[in-house]
C-alpha atoms as a PDB file:
ATOM      1  CA  MET A   1      84.603  49.020 128.554  1.00  0.00           C
ATOM      2  CA  ILE A   2      82.668  48.390 125.397  1.00  0.00           C
ATOM      3  CA  THR A   3      79.756  46.644 127.119  1.00  0.00           C
ATOM      4  CA  ARG A   4      79.933  48.163 130.611  1.00  0.00           C
ATOM      5  CA  LEU A   5      80.349  51.841 129.722  1.00  0.00           C
ATOM      6  CA  GLY A   6      79.748  51.961 125.991  1.00  0.00           C
ATOM      7  CA  ILE A   7      83.314  53.098 125.243  1.00  0.00           C
ATOM      8  CA  ALA A   8      84.129  51.629 121.838  1.00  0.00           C
ATOM      9  CA  SER A   9      87.878  52.176 122.142  1.00  0.00           C
ATOM     10  CA  GLY A  10      88.068  50.274 125.437  1.00  0.00           C
ATOM     11  CA  TRP A  11      90.055  53.142 127.031  1.00  0.00           C
ATOM     12  CA  ILE A  12      88.909  54.950 130.176  1.00  0.00           C
ATOM     13  CA  GLU A  13      90.313  58.457 130.304  1.00  0.00           C
ATOM     14  CA  GLY A  14      89.820  60.829 133.203  1.00  0.00           C
ATOM     15  CA  LYS A  15      89.055  60.448 136.872  1.00  0.00           C
ATOM     16  CA  GLN A  16      85.280  60.742 136.532  1.00  0.00           C
ATOM     17  CA  LYS A  17      85.040  58.003 133.899  1.00  0.00           C
ATOM     18  CA  LEU A  18      87.230  55.794 136.079  1.00  0.00           C
ATOM     19  CA  ARG A  19      84.978  56.450 139.087  1.00  0.00           C
ATOM     20  CA  ASN A  20      81.933  55.522 136.986  1.00  0.00           C
ATOM     21  CA  HIS A  21      83.633  52.305 135.858  1.00  0.00           C
ATOM     22  CA  PHE A  22      84.319  51.199 139.446  1.00  0.00           C
ATOM     23  CA  ALA A  23      80.863  52.282 140.648  1.00  0.00           C
ATOM     24  CA  VAL A  24      79.213  50.023 138.076  1.00  0.00           C
ATOM     25  CA  GLY A  25      81.645  47.163 138.723  1.00  0.00           C
ATOM     26  CA  LEU A  26      81.104  47.179 142.484  1.00  0.00           C
ATOM     27  CA  LYS A  27      77.362  46.607 141.969  1.00  0.00           C
ATOM     28  CA  VAL A  28      77.937  43.161 140.407  1.00  0.00           C
ATOM     29  CA  PRO A  29      75.942  40.579 142.399  1.00  0.00           C
ATOM     30  CA  ASN A  30      78.123  38.166 144.427  1.00  0.00           C
ATOM     31  CA  LEU A  31      81.289  40.062 143.472  1.00  0.00           C
ATOM     32  CA  HIS A  32      84.274  37.947 144.521  1.00  0.00           C
ATOM     33  CA  PHE A  33      87.983  37.822 143.680  1.00  0.00           C
ATOM     34  CA  GLU A  34      90.359  34.941 144.369  1.00  0.00           C
ATOM     35  CA  LEU A  35      93.940  36.219 144.438  1.00  0.00           C
ATOM     36  CA  ILE A  36      96.286  33.930 142.511  1.00  0.00           C
ATOM     37  CA  ASP A  37      99.526  35.913 142.388  1.00  0.00           C
ATOM     38  CA  VAL A  38     101.138  39.343 142.475  1.00  0.00           C
ATOM     39  CA  LEU A  39     104.041  39.868 140.062  1.00  0.00           C
ATOM     40  CA  LEU A  40     106.497  42.712 140.566  1.00  0.00           C
ATOM     41  CA  GLY A  41     108.577  44.425 137.894  1.00  0.00           C
ATOM     42  CA  VAL A  42     111.019  47.304 137.812  1.00  0.00           C
ATOM     43  CA  ASP A  43     108.378  49.797 136.709  1.00  0.00           C
ATOM     44  CA  GLY A  44     105.109  48.027 137.363  1.00  0.00           C
ATOM     45  CA  ILE A  45     103.006  45.366 138.989  1.00  0.00           C
ATOM     46  CA  SER A  46     100.607  42.666 137.782  1.00  0.00           C
ATOM     47  CA  VAL A  47      97.847  41.138 139.862  1.00  0.00           C
ATOM     48  CA  VAL A  48      96.476  37.768 138.746  1.00  0.00           C
ATOM     49  CA  TYR A  49      93.088  36.738 140.113  1.00  0.00           C
ATOM     50  CA  ARG A  50      89.903  34.816 139.326  1.00  0.00           C
ATOM     51  CA  ARG A  51      86.515  36.562 139.188  1.00  0.00           C
ATOM     52  CA  GLU A  52      83.246  35.234 140.584  1.00  0.00           C
ATOM     53  CA  THR A  53      82.372  34.282 137.002  1.00  0.00           C
ATOM     54  CA  GLY A  54      85.369  31.941 136.851  1.00  0.00           C
ATOM     55  CA  ALA A  55      87.231  34.233 134.443  1.00  0.00           C
ATOM     56  CA  LEU A  56      90.973  34.569 134.965  1.00  0.00           C
ATOM     57  CA  VAL A  57      92.051  38.246 135.053  1.00  0.00           C
ATOM     58  CA  VAL A  58      95.403  40.024 134.981  1.00  0.00           C
ATOM     59  CA  ASP A  59      95.536  43.691 135.966  1.00  0.00           C
ATOM     60  CA  VAL A  60      98.790  45.312 134.810  1.00  0.00           C
ATOM     61  CA  VAL A  61      99.902  48.709 136.125  1.00  0.00           C
ATOM     62  CA  GLU A  62     102.891  50.615 134.757  1.00  0.00           C
ATOM     63  CA  LEU A  63     104.401  53.244 137.052  1.00  0.00           C
ATOM     64  CA  ASN A  64     106.155  56.486 136.130  1.00  0.00           C
ATOM     65  CA  ALA A  65     109.401  57.744 137.717  1.00  0.00           C
ATOM     66  CA  ALA A  66     107.403  59.246 140.615  1.00  0.00           C
ATOM     67  CA  GLY A  67     105.841  55.854 141.363  1.00  0.00           C
ATOM     68  CA  LYS A  68     102.377  56.916 140.174  1.00  0.00           C
ATOM     69  CA  ILE A  69     100.207  54.938 137.801  1.00  0.00           C
ATOM     70  CA  GLN A  70     100.973  55.869 134.210  1.00  0.00           C
ATOM     71  CA  VAL A  71      99.033  53.123 132.427  1.00  0.00           C
ATOM     72  CA  ALA A  72      96.651  50.465 133.757  1.00  0.00           C
ATOM     73  CA  ARG A  73      95.386  47.547 131.695  1.00  0.00           C
ATOM     74  CA  ALA A  74      93.106  44.610 132.451  1.00  0.00           C
ATOM     75  CA  TYR A  75      93.158  41.335 130.552  1.00  0.00           C
ATOM     76  CA  TYR A  76      90.258  38.892 130.863  1.00  0.00           C
ATOM     77  CA  GLY A  77      90.264  35.187 130.078  1.00  0.00           C
ATOM     78  CA  ARG A  78      87.228  33.374 128.796  1.00  0.00           C
ATOM     79  CA  VAL A  79      84.830  31.786 131.242  1.00  0.00           C
END
């Protein structure tokens, strides 16, 4: 978030900022994801994949009691 959207805290808050984040991300040349695994928990899910850059990524989503996303985090490995 710091480099892509200029958000120093690294937190995206609000639907419009999230839309902007994905709009920028989808314009990456040669965008490609290689799915490695999907890990299920009682109140969340983690998706492990490799980016076109070679970076390993884990997206972690925590769900509330209604099954809606409460918190989403992305963790990026070094290339």
